[in-house]
């Protein structure tokens, strides 16, 4: 039997919008660096009207319903919700867990 893979959560409306507009935001920011693009994207997202955000919200709702269905199928097939996250946390704790400050 193949290992069951837990479905990943869908992105929110902001991340969908950012993915669709990243190229134009990168050009406008004058840099492809994440902090510059992220700051500009956040500013533009905050001034967008609800009507402009609505298409992304609808896509997000559809993705969320799809995720919930996939999760229900995953659990019905014997999967354990959150197991991968718990295993990752245990591995991190066993390794030493805390991040060290950069010098």
PDB file of N, CA and C in Angstrom:
ATOM      1  N   UNK A   1       0.844  -1.184   0.000  1.00  0.00           N
ATOM      2  CA  UNK A   1       0.000   0.000   0.000  1.00  0.00           C
ATOM      3  C   UNK A   1       0.883   1.239   0.000  1.00  0.00           C
ATOM      4  N   UNK A   2       0.580   2.177  -0.835  1.00  0.00           N
ATOM      5  CA  UNK A   2       1.346   3.421  -0.909  1.00  0.00           C
ATOM      6  C   UNK A   2       1.019   4.296   0.300  1.00  0.00           C
ATOM      7  N   UNK A   3       1.992   5.073   0.713  1.00  0.00           N
ATOM      8  CA  UNK A   3       1.756   5.988   1.825  1.00  0.00           C
ATOM      9  C   UNK A   3       0.732   7.037   1.421  1.00  0.00           C
ATOM     10  N   UNK A   4      -0.175   7.328   2.344  1.00  0.00           N
ATOM     11  CA  UNK A   4      -1.151   8.381   2.110  1.00  0.00           C
ATOM     12  C   UNK A   4      -0.477   9.727   2.327  1.00  0.00           C
ATOM     13  N   UNK A   5      -0.750  10.650   1.443  1.00  0.00           N
ATOM     14  CA  UNK A   5      -0.199  11.997   1.586  1.00  0.00           C
ATOM     15  C   UNK A   5      -1.319  12.937   2.017  1.00  0.00           C
ATOM     16  N   UNK A   6      -1.119  13.587   3.137  1.00  0.00           N
ATOM     17  CA  UNK A   6      -2.106  14.535   3.642  1.00  0.00           C
ATOM     18  C   UNK A   6      -2.186  15.734   2.706  1.00  0.00           C
ATOM     19  N   UNK A   7      -3.407  16.142   2.324  1.00  0.00           N
ATOM     20  CA  UNK A   7      -3.527  17.305   1.438  1.00  0.00           C
ATOM     21  C   UNK A   7      -3.045  18.575   2.137  1.00  0.00           C
ATOM     22  N   UNK A   8      -2.498  19.485   1.361  1.00  0.00           N
ATOM     23  CA  UNK A   8      -2.027  20.746   1.930  1.00  0.00           C
ATOM     24  C   UNK A   8      -3.147  21.778   1.901  1.00  0.00           C
ATOM     25  N   UNK A   9      -3.109  22.672   2.864  1.00  0.00           N
ATOM     26  CA  UNK A   9      -4.137  23.706   2.950  1.00  0.00           C
ATOM     27  C   UNK A   9      -4.021  24.672   1.774  1.00  0.00           C
ATOM     28  N   UNK A  10      -5.158  25.184   1.307  1.00  0.00           N
ATOM     29  CA  UNK A  10      -5.109  26.138   0.198  1.00  0.00           C
ATOM     30  C   UNK A  10      -4.627  27.509   0.674  1.00  0.00           C
ATOM     31  N   UNK A  11      -4.155  28.304  -0.267  1.00  0.00           N
ATOM     32  CA  UNK A  11      -3.699  29.652   0.062  1.00  0.00           C
ATOM     33  C   UNK A  11      -4.896  30.585   0.235  1.00  0.00           C
ATOM     34  N   UNK A  12      -4.669  31.702   0.913  1.00  0.00           N
ATOM     35  CA  UNK A  12      -5.754  32.671   1.089  1.00  0.00           C
ATOM     36  C   UNK A  12      -5.833  33.616  -0.110  1.00  0.00           C
ATOM     37  N   UNK A  13      -6.815  34.500  -0.093  1.00  0.00           N
ATOM     38  CA  UNK A  13      -7.077  35.387  -1.233  1.00  0.00           C
ATOM     39  C   UNK A  13      -5.870  36.273  -1.556  1.00  0.00           C
ATOM     40  N   UNK A  14      -5.183  36.757  -0.536  1.00  0.00           N
ATOM     41  CA  UNK A  14      -4.012  37.616  -0.767  1.00  0.00           C
ATOM     42  C   UNK A  14      -2.934  36.870  -1.557  1.00  0.00           C
ATOM     43  N   UNK A  15      -2.634  35.648  -1.160  1.00  0.00           N
ATOM     44  CA  UNK A  15      -1.577  34.892  -1.832  1.00  0.00           C
ATOM     45  C   UNK A  15      -1.963  34.539  -3.263  1.00  0.00           C
ATOM     46  N   UNK A  16      -3.244  34.272  -3.502  1.00  0.00           N
ATOM     47  CA  UNK A  16      -3.700  34.049  -4.870  1.00  0.00           C
ATOM     48  C   UNK A  16      -3.477  35.302  -5.714  1.00  0.00           C
ATOM     49  N   UNK A  17      -3.895  36.439  -5.170  1.00  0.00           N
ATOM     50  CA  UNK A  17      -3.733  37.715  -5.867  1.00  0.00           C
ATOM     51  C   UNK A  17      -2.257  37.999  -6.127  1.00  0.00           C
ATOM     52  N   UNK A  18      -1.429  37.771  -5.121  1.00  0.00           N
ATOM     53  CA  UNK A  18       0.010  38.015  -5.263  1.00  0.00           C
ATOM     54  C   UNK A  18       0.598  37.137  -6.361  1.00  0.00           C
ATOM     55  N   UNK A  19       0.210  35.880  -6.410  1.00  0.00           N
ATOM     56  CA  UNK A  19       0.704  34.984  -7.451  1.00  0.00           C
ATOM     57  C   UNK A  19       0.324  35.443  -8.846  1.00  0.00           C
ATOM     58  N   UNK A  20      -0.893  35.968  -8.973  1.00  0.00           N
ATOM     59  CA  UNK A  20      -1.365  36.435 -10.273  1.00  0.00           C
ATOM     60  C   UNK A  20      -0.702  37.751 -10.693  1.00  0.00           C
ATOM     61  N   UNK A  21      -0.283  38.553  -9.723  1.00  0.00           N
ATOM     62  CA  UNK A  21       0.242  39.890 -10.010  1.00  0.00           C
ATOM     63  C   UNK A  21       1.731  40.062  -9.712  1.00  0.00           C
ATOM     64  N   UNK A  22       2.420  38.980  -9.392  1.00  0.00           N
ATOM     65  CA  UNK A  22       3.825  39.075  -8.985  1.00  0.00           C
ATOM     66  C   UNK A  22       4.704  39.720 -10.061  1.00  0.00           C
ATOM     67  N   UNK A  23       4.492  39.352 -11.302  1.00  0.00           N
ATOM     68  CA  UNK A  23       5.353  39.884 -12.370  1.00  0.00           C
ATOM     69  C   UNK A  23       5.239  41.406 -12.477  1.00  0.00           C
ATOM     70  N   UNK A  24       4.020  41.934 -12.475  1.00  0.00           N
ATOM     71  CA  UNK A  24       3.852  43.385 -12.582  1.00  0.00           C
ATOM     72  C   UNK A  24       4.340  44.082 -11.313  1.00  0.00           C
ATOM     73  N   UNK A  25       4.159  43.450 -10.160  1.00  0.00           N
ATOM     74  CA  UNK A  25       4.645  44.039  -8.911  1.00  0.00           C
ATOM     75  C   UNK A  25       6.168  44.083  -8.885  1.00  0.00           C
ATOM     76  N   UNK A  26       6.800  43.047  -9.413  1.00  0.00           N
ATOM     77  CA  UNK A  26       8.262  43.005  -9.466  1.00  0.00           C
ATOM     78  C   UNK A  26       8.795  44.132 -10.342  1.00  0.00           C
ATOM     79  N   UNK A  27       8.146  44.338 -11.484  1.00  0.00           N
ATOM     80  CA  UNK A  27       8.567  45.436 -12.373  1.00  0.00           C
ATOM     81  C   UNK A  27       8.373  46.778 -11.694  1.00  0.00           C
ATOM     82  N   UNK A  28       7.232  46.950 -11.031  1.00  0.00           N
ATOM     83  CA  UNK A  28       6.940  48.223 -10.374  1.00  0.00           C
ATOM     84  C   UNK A  28       7.881  48.478  -9.199  1.00  0.00           C
ATOM     85  N   UNK A  29       8.223  47.423  -8.476  1.00  0.00           N
ATOM     86  CA  UNK A  29       9.124  47.575  -7.332  1.00  0.00           C
ATOM     87  C   UNK A  29      10.556  47.832  -7.790  1.00  0.00           C
ATOM     88  N   UNK A  30      10.873  47.425  -9.014  1.00  0.00           N
ATOM     89  CA  UNK A  30      12.225  47.621  -9.531  1.00  0.00           C
ATOM     90  C   UNK A  30      13.209  46.598  -9.008  1.00  0.00           C
ATOM     91  N   UNK A  31      12.702  45.591  -8.351  1.00  0.00           N
ATOM     92  CA  UNK A  31      13.551  44.565  -7.776  1.00  0.00           C
ATOM     93  C   UNK A  31      12.742  43.284  -7.631  1.00  0.00           C
ATOM     94  N   UNK A  32      13.408  42.162  -7.749  1.00  0.00           N
ATOM     95  CA  UNK A  32      12.741  40.885  -7.557  1.00  0.00           C
ATOM     96  C   UNK A  32      12.880  40.378  -6.140  1.00  0.00           C
ATOM     97  N   UNK A  33      13.473  41.194  -5.277  1.00  0.00           N
ATOM     98  CA  UNK A  33      13.694  40.762  -3.892  1.00  0.00           C
ATOM     99  C   UNK A  33      12.379  40.717  -3.138  1.00  0.00           C
ATOM    100  N   UNK A  34      12.204  39.663  -2.367  1.00  0.00           N
ATOM    101  CA  UNK A  34      10.947  39.422  -1.652  1.00  0.00           C
ATOM    102  C   UNK A  34      10.509  40.579  -0.748  1.00  0.00           C
ATOM    103  N   UNK A  35      11.393  41.186   0.035  1.00  0.00           N
ATOM    104  CA  UNK A  35      10.924  42.276   0.899  1.00  0.00           C
ATOM    105  C   UNK A  35      10.343  43.460   0.119  1.00  0.00           C
ATOM    106  N   UNK A  36      10.973  43.815  -0.979  1.00  0.00           N
ATOM    107  CA  UNK A  36      10.495  44.955  -1.771  1.00  0.00           C
ATOM    108  C   UNK A  36       9.157  44.634  -2.419  1.00  0.00           C
ATOM    109  N   UNK A  37       9.050  43.453  -3.008  1.00  0.00           N
ATOM    110  CA  UNK A  37       7.812  43.050  -3.668  1.00  0.00           C
ATOM    111  C   UNK A  37       6.710  42.861  -2.637  1.00  0.00           C
ATOM    112  N   UNK A  38       7.040  42.244  -1.522  1.00  0.00           N
ATOM    113  CA  UNK A  38       6.054  42.002  -0.467  1.00  0.00           C
ATOM    114  C   UNK A  38       5.491  43.279   0.116  1.00  0.00           C
ATOM    115  N   UNK A  39       6.346  44.250   0.327  1.00  0.00           N
ATOM    116  CA  UNK A  39       5.890  45.526   0.882  1.00  0.00           C
ATOM    117  C   UNK A  39       4.955  46.233  -0.095  1.00  0.00           C
ATOM    118  N   UNK A  40       5.334  46.273  -1.357  1.00  0.00           N
ATOM    119  CA  UNK A  40       4.502  46.905  -2.369  1.00  0.00           C
ATOM    120  C   UNK A  40       3.175  46.159  -2.517  1.00  0.00           C
ATOM    121  N   UNK A  41       3.248  44.837  -2.525  1.00  0.00           N
ATOM    122  CA  UNK A  41       2.030  44.023  -2.661  1.00  0.00           C
ATOM    123  C   UNK A  41       1.088  44.264  -1.490  1.00  0.00           C
ATOM    124  N   UNK A  42       1.622  44.326  -0.288  1.00  0.00           N
ATOM    125  CA  UNK A  42       0.791  44.580   0.888  1.00  0.00           C
ATOM    126  C   UNK A  42       0.101  45.932   0.813  1.00  0.00           C
ATOM    127  N   UNK A  43       0.838  46.936   0.368  1.00  0.00           N
ATOM    128  CA  UNK A  43       0.251  48.270   0.242  1.00  0.00           C
ATOM    129  C   UNK A  43      -0.869  48.273  -0.798  1.00  0.00           C
ATOM    130  N   UNK A  44      -0.627  47.630  -1.941  1.00  0.00           N
ATOM    131  CA  UNK A  44      -1.641  47.599  -2.995  1.00  0.00           C
ATOM    132  C   UNK A  44      -2.861  46.779  -2.572  1.00  0.00           C
ATOM    133  N   UNK A  45      -2.639  45.662  -1.886  1.00  0.00           N
ATOM    134  CA  UNK A  45      -3.740  44.816  -1.424  1.00  0.00           C
ATOM    135  C   UNK A  45      -4.624  45.575  -0.435  1.00  0.00           C
ATOM    136  N   UNK A  46      -4.009  46.331   0.440  1.00  0.00           N
ATOM    137  CA  UNK A  46      -4.776  47.055   1.459  1.00  0.00           C
ATOM    138  C   UNK A  46      -5.669  48.141   0.872  1.00  0.00           C
ATOM    139  N   UNK A  47      -5.304  48.707  -0.280  1.00  0.00           N
ATOM    140  CA  UNK A  47      -6.132  49.756  -0.883  1.00  0.00           C
ATOM    141  C   UNK A  47      -7.087  49.225  -1.955  1.00  0.00           C
ATOM    142  N   UNK A  48      -7.004  47.930  -2.258  1.00  0.00           N
ATOM    143  CA  UNK A  48      -7.935  47.350  -3.228  1.00  0.00           C
ATOM    144  C   UNK A  48      -9.350  47.358  -2.657  1.00  0.00           C
ATOM    145  N   UNK A  49     -10.308  47.603  -3.506  1.00  0.00           N
ATOM    146  CA  UNK A  49     -11.711  47.578  -3.072  1.00  0.00           C
ATOM    147  C   UNK A  49     -12.145  46.129  -2.856  1.00  0.00           C
ATOM    148  N   UNK A  50     -13.234  45.971  -2.108  1.00  0.00           N
ATOM    149  CA  UNK A  50     -13.762  44.635  -1.871  1.00  0.00           C
ATOM    150  C   UNK A  50     -14.176  43.990  -3.187  1.00  0.00           C
ATOM    151  N   UNK A  51     -14.679  44.790  -4.116  1.00  0.00           N
ATOM    152  CA  UNK A  51     -15.081  44.263  -5.417  1.00  0.00           C
ATOM    153  C   UNK A  51     -13.881  43.688  -6.177  1.00  0.00           C
ATOM    154  N   UNK A  52     -12.727  44.332  -6.051  1.00  0.00           N
ATOM    155  CA  UNK A  52     -11.524  43.853  -6.721  1.00  0.00           C
ATOM    156  C   UNK A  52     -10.976  42.590  -6.051  1.00  0.00           C
ATOM    157  N   UNK A  53     -11.216  42.451  -4.752  1.00  0.00           N
ATOM    158  CA  UNK A  53     -10.738  41.281  -4.013  1.00  0.00           C
ATOM    159  C   UNK A  53     -11.671  40.081  -4.161  1.00  0.00           C
ATOM    160  N   UNK A  54     -12.913  40.346  -4.545  1.00  0.00           N
ATOM    161  CA  UNK A  54     -13.942  39.308  -4.572  1.00  0.00           C
ATOM    162  C   UNK A  54     -13.583  38.101  -5.443  1.00  0.00           C
ATOM    163  N   UNK A  55     -13.034  38.276  -6.669  1.00  0.00           N
ATOM    164  CA  UNK A  55     -12.698  37.096  -7.477  1.00  0.00           C
ATOM    165  C   UNK A  55     -11.697  36.165  -6.782  1.00  0.00           C
ATOM    166  N   UNK A  56     -10.734  36.747  -6.101  1.00  0.00           N
ATOM    167  CA  UNK A  56      -9.758  35.927  -5.371  1.00  0.00           C
ATOM    168  C   UNK A  56     -10.434  35.211  -4.205  1.00  0.00           C
ATOM    169  N   UNK A  57     -11.357  35.902  -3.567  1.00  0.00           N
ATOM    170  CA  UNK A  57     -12.098  35.292  -2.461  1.00  0.00           C
ATOM    171  C   UNK A  57     -12.927  34.103  -2.919  1.00  0.00           C
ATOM    172  N   UNK A  58     -13.541  34.231  -4.095  1.00  0.00           N
ATOM    173  CA  UNK A  58     -14.335  33.125  -4.638  1.00  0.00           C
ATOM    174  C   UNK A  58     -13.447  31.925  -4.971  1.00  0.00           C
ATOM    175  N   UNK A  59     -12.282  32.189  -5.560  1.00  0.00           N
ATOM    176  CA  UNK A  59     -11.346  31.110  -5.865  1.00  0.00           C
ATOM    177  C   UNK A  59     -10.883  30.428  -4.584  1.00  0.00           C
ATOM    178  N   UNK A  60     -10.637  31.238  -3.556  1.00  0.00           N
ATOM    179  CA  UNK A  60     -10.194  30.702  -2.279  1.00  0.00           C
ATOM    180  C   UNK A  60     -11.258  29.785  -1.682  1.00  0.00           C
ATOM    181  N   UNK A  61     -12.521  30.209  -1.746  1.00  0.00           N
ATOM    182  CA  UNK A  61     -13.608  29.381  -1.226  1.00  0.00           C
ATOM    183  C   UNK A  61     -13.683  28.047  -1.969  1.00  0.00           C
ATOM    184  N   UNK A  62     -13.524  28.088  -3.285  1.00  0.00           N
ATOM    185  CA  UNK A  62     -13.555  26.855  -4.078  1.00  0.00           C
ATOM    186  C   UNK A  62     -12.394  25.936  -3.702  1.00  0.00           C
ATOM    187  N   UNK A  63     -11.213  26.525  -3.532  1.00  0.00           N
ATOM    188  CA  UNK A  63     -10.047  25.736  -3.137  1.00  0.00           C
ATOM    189  C   UNK A  63     -10.228  25.149  -1.738  1.00  0.00           C
ATOM    190  N   UNK A  64     -10.863  25.914  -0.853  1.00  0.00           N
ATOM    191  CA  UNK A  64     -11.091  25.440   0.509  1.00  0.00           C
ATOM    192  C   UNK A  64     -12.053  24.248   0.515  1.00  0.00           C
ATOM    193  N   UNK A  65     -13.117  24.323  -0.288  1.00  0.00           N
ATOM    194  CA  UNK A  65     -14.061  23.204  -0.376  1.00  0.00           C
ATOM    195  C   UNK A  65     -13.377  21.969  -0.937  1.00  0.00           C
ATOM    196  N   UNK A  66     -12.541  22.164  -1.959  1.00  0.00           N
ATOM    197  CA  UNK A  66     -11.792  21.056  -2.544  1.00  0.00           C
ATOM    198  C   UNK A  66     -10.861  20.434  -1.505  1.00  0.00           C
ATOM    199  N   UNK A  67     -10.187  21.280  -0.727  1.00  0.00           N
ATOM    200  CA  UNK A  67      -9.286  20.803   0.328  1.00  0.00           C
ATOM    201  C   UNK A  67     -10.059  19.993   1.368  1.00  0.00           C
ATOM    202  N   UNK A  68     -11.220  20.514   1.793  1.00  0.00           N
ATOM    203  CA  UNK A  68     -12.014  19.817   2.802  1.00  0.00           C
ATOM    204  C   UNK A  68     -12.458  18.449   2.301  1.00  0.00           C
ATOM    205  N   UNK A  69     -12.813  18.352   1.011  1.00  0.00           N
ATOM    206  CA  UNK A  69     -13.204  17.064   0.431  1.00  0.00           C
ATOM    207  C   UNK A  69     -12.016  16.108   0.400  1.00  0.00           C
ATOM    208  N   UNK A  70     -10.858  16.619  -0.025  1.00  0.00           N
ATOM    209  CA  UNK A  70      -9.657  15.786  -0.071  1.00  0.00           C
ATOM    210  C   UNK A  70      -9.263  15.325   1.330  1.00  0.00           C
ATOM    211  N   UNK A  71      -9.426  16.207   2.322  1.00  0.00           N
ATOM    212  CA  UNK A  71      -9.087  15.840   3.699  1.00  0.00           C
ATOM    213  C   UNK A  71     -10.039  14.759   4.204  1.00  0.00           C
ATOM    214  N   UNK A  72     -11.326  14.894   3.886  1.00  0.00           N
ATOM    215  CA  UNK A  72     -12.304  13.882   4.296  1.00  0.00           C
ATOM    216  C   UNK A  72     -11.956  12.535   3.662  1.00  0.00           C
ATOM    217  N   UNK A  73     -11.583  12.539   2.388  1.00  0.00           N
ATOM    218  CA  UNK A  73     -11.177  11.307   1.712  1.00  0.00           C
ATOM    219  C   UNK A  73      -9.920  10.730   2.341  1.00  0.00           C
ATOM    220  N   UNK A  74      -8.986  11.599   2.687  1.00  0.00           N
ATOM    221  CA  UNK A  74      -7.730  11.185   3.318  1.00  0.00           C
ATOM    222  C   UNK A  74      -7.996  10.503   4.660  1.00  0.00           C
ATOM    223  N   UNK A  75      -8.845  11.107   5.472  1.00  0.00           N
ATOM    224  CA  UNK A  75      -9.163  10.546   6.788  1.00  0.00           C
ATOM    225  C   UNK A  75      -9.944   9.240   6.632  1.00  0.00           C
ATOM    226  N   UNK A  76     -10.871   9.199   5.668  1.00  0.00           N
ATOM    227  CA  UNK A  76     -11.650   7.989   5.428  1.00  0.00           C
ATOM    228  C   UNK A  76     -10.761   6.826   4.974  1.00  0.00           C
ATOM    229  N   UNK A  77      -9.675   7.146   4.289  1.00  0.00           N
ATOM    230  CA  UNK A  77      -8.751   6.115   3.813  1.00  0.00           C
ATOM    231  C   UNK A  77      -7.775   5.668   4.900  1.00  0.00           C
ATOM    232  N   UNK A  78      -7.925   6.218   6.102  1.00  0.00           N
ATOM    233  CA  UNK A  78      -7.067   5.806   7.214  1.00  0.00           C
ATOM    234  C   UNK A  78      -5.969   6.784   7.563  1.00  0.00           C
ATOM    235  N   UNK A  79      -5.956   7.929   6.928  1.00  0.00           N
ATOM    236  CA  UNK A  79      -4.950   8.941   7.234  1.00  0.00           C
ATOM    237  C   UNK A  79      -5.246   9.630   8.555  1.00  0.00           C
ATOM    238  N   UNK A  80      -4.227  10.194   9.153  1.00  0.00           N
ATOM    239  CA  UNK A  80      -4.375  10.910  10.422  1.00  0.00           C
ATOM    240  C   UNK A  80      -4.085  12.383  10.173  1.00  0.00           C
ATOM    241  N   UNK A  81      -5.084  13.214  10.436  1.00  0.00           N
ATOM    242  CA  UNK A  81      -4.943  14.653  10.210  1.00  0.00           C
ATOM    243  C   UNK A  81      -3.904  15.238  11.168  1.00  0.00           C
ATOM    244  N   UNK A  82      -2.952  15.972  10.622  1.00  0.00           N
ATOM    245  CA  UNK A  82      -1.932  16.623  11.435  1.00  0.00           C
ATOM    246  C   UNK A  82      -0.742  15.751  11.781  1.00  0.00           C
ATOM    247  N   UNK A  83      -0.721  14.508  11.312  1.00  0.00           N
ATOM    248  CA  UNK A  83       0.366  13.592  11.656  1.00  0.00           C
ATOM    249  C   UNK A  83       1.708  14.076  11.123  1.00  0.00           C
ATOM    250  N   UNK A  84       1.719  14.549   9.876  1.00  0.00           N
ATOM    251  CA  UNK A  84       2.974  15.012   9.265  1.00  0.00           C
ATOM    252  C   UNK A  84       3.546  16.192  10.050  1.00  0.00           C
ATOM    253  N   UNK A  85       2.676  17.120  10.458  1.00  0.00           N
ATOM    254  CA  UNK A  85       3.123  18.281  11.225  1.00  0.00           C
ATOM    255  C   UNK A  85       3.680  17.850  12.580  1.00  0.00           C
ATOM    256  N   UNK A  86       3.007  16.885  13.221  1.00  0.00           N
ATOM    257  CA  UNK A  86       3.469  16.400  14.517  1.00  0.00           C
ATOM    258  C   UNK A  86       4.816  15.694  14.386  1.00  0.00           C
ATOM    259  N   UNK A  87       4.967  14.894  13.341  1.00  0.00           N
ATOM    260  CA  UNK A  87       6.237  14.197  13.118  1.00  0.00           C
ATOM    261  C   UNK A  87       7.374  15.181  12.864  1.00  0.00           C
ATOM    262  N   UNK A  88       7.074  16.233  12.122  1.00  0.00           N
ATOM    263  CA  UNK A  88       8.085  17.250  11.841  1.00  0.00           C
ATOM    264  C   UNK A  88       8.510  17.955  13.134  1.00  0.00           C
ATOM    265  N   UNK A  89       7.527  18.259  13.999  1.00  0.00           N
ATOM    266  CA  UNK A  89       7.836  18.921  15.266  1.00  0.00           C
ATOM    267  C   UNK A  89       8.668  18.007  16.166  1.00  0.00           C
ATOM    268  N   UNK A  90       8.337  16.716  16.178  1.00  0.00           N
ATOM    269  CA  UNK A  90       9.104  15.760  16.988  1.00  0.00           C
ATOM    270  C   UNK A  90      10.546  15.656  16.495  1.00  0.00           C
ATOM    271  N   UNK A  91      10.718  15.611  15.180  1.00  0.00           N
ATOM    272  CA  UNK A  91      12.060  15.524  14.611  1.00  0.00           C
ATOM    273  C   UNK A  91      12.871  16.769  14.948  1.00  0.00           C
ATOM    274  N   UNK A  92      12.224  17.919  14.907  1.00  0.00           N
ATOM    275  CA  UNK A  92      12.895  19.164  15.225  1.00  0.00           C
ATOM    276  C   UNK A  92      13.305  19.195  16.696  1.00  0.00           C
ATOM    277  N   UNK A  93      12.410  18.732  17.560  1.00  0.00           N
ATOM    278  CA  UNK A  93      12.715  18.700  18.997  1.00  0.00           C
ATOM    279  C   UNK A  93      13.855  17.730  19.292  1.00  0.00           C
ATOM    280  N   UNK A  94      13.857  16.600  18.603  1.00  0.00           N
ATOM    281  CA  UNK A  94      14.915  15.610  18.812  1.00  0.00           C
ATOM    282  C   UNK A  94      16.265  16.108  18.322  1.00  0.00           C
ATOM    283  N   UNK A  95      16.218  16.943  17.299  1.00  0.00           N
ATOM    284  CA  UNK A  95      17.450  17.478  16.715  1.00  0.00           C
ATOM    285  C   UNK A  95      18.051  18.589  17.559  1.00  0.00           C
ATOM    286  N   UNK A  96      17.249  19.218  18.385  1.00  0.00           N
ATOM    287  CA  UNK A  96      17.758  20.329  19.167  1.00  0.00           C
ATOM    288  C   UNK A  96      16.880  21.536  19.034  1.00  0.00           C
ATOM    289  N   UNK A  97      15.949  21.451  18.122  1.00  0.00           N
ATOM    290  CA  UNK A  97      14.853  22.377  17.964  1.00  0.00           C
ATOM    291  C   UNK A  97      15.068  23.871  17.880  1.00  0.00           C
ATOM    292  N   UNK A  98      15.776  24.461  18.774  1.00  0.00           N
ATOM    293  CA  UNK A  98      15.835  25.929  18.792  1.00  0.00           C
ATOM    294  C   UNK A  98      16.810  26.450  17.754  1.00  0.00           C
ATOM    295  N   UNK A  99      16.438  27.557  17.160  1.00  0.00           N
ATOM    296  CA  UNK A  99      17.333  28.190  16.201  1.00  0.00           C
ATOM    297  C   UNK A  99      18.361  29.017  16.938  1.00  0.00           C
ATOM    298  N   UNK A 100      19.549  29.013  16.409  1.00  0.00           N
ATOM    299  CA  UNK A 100      20.608  29.817  17.011  1.00  0.00           C
ATOM    300  C   UNK A 100      20.634  31.168  16.343  1.00  0.00           C
ATOM    301  N   UNK A 101      20.975  32.171  17.103  1.00  0.00           N
ATOM    302  CA  UNK A 101      21.045  33.535  16.563  1.00  0.00           C
ATOM    303  C   UNK A 101      22.211  33.638  15.590  1.00  0.00           C
ATOM    304  N   UNK A 102      21.986  34.400  14.538  1.00  0.00           N
ATOM    305  CA  UNK A 102      23.066  34.631  13.583  1.00  0.00           C
ATOM    306  C   UNK A 102      24.045  35.642  14.141  1.00  0.00           C
ATOM    307  N   UNK A 103      25.265  35.505  13.732  1.00  0.00           N
ATOM    308  CA  UNK A 103      26.282  36.456  14.186  1.00  0.00           C
ATOM    309  C   UNK A 103      26.600  37.415  13.099  1.00  0.00           C
TER     310      UNK A 103
END
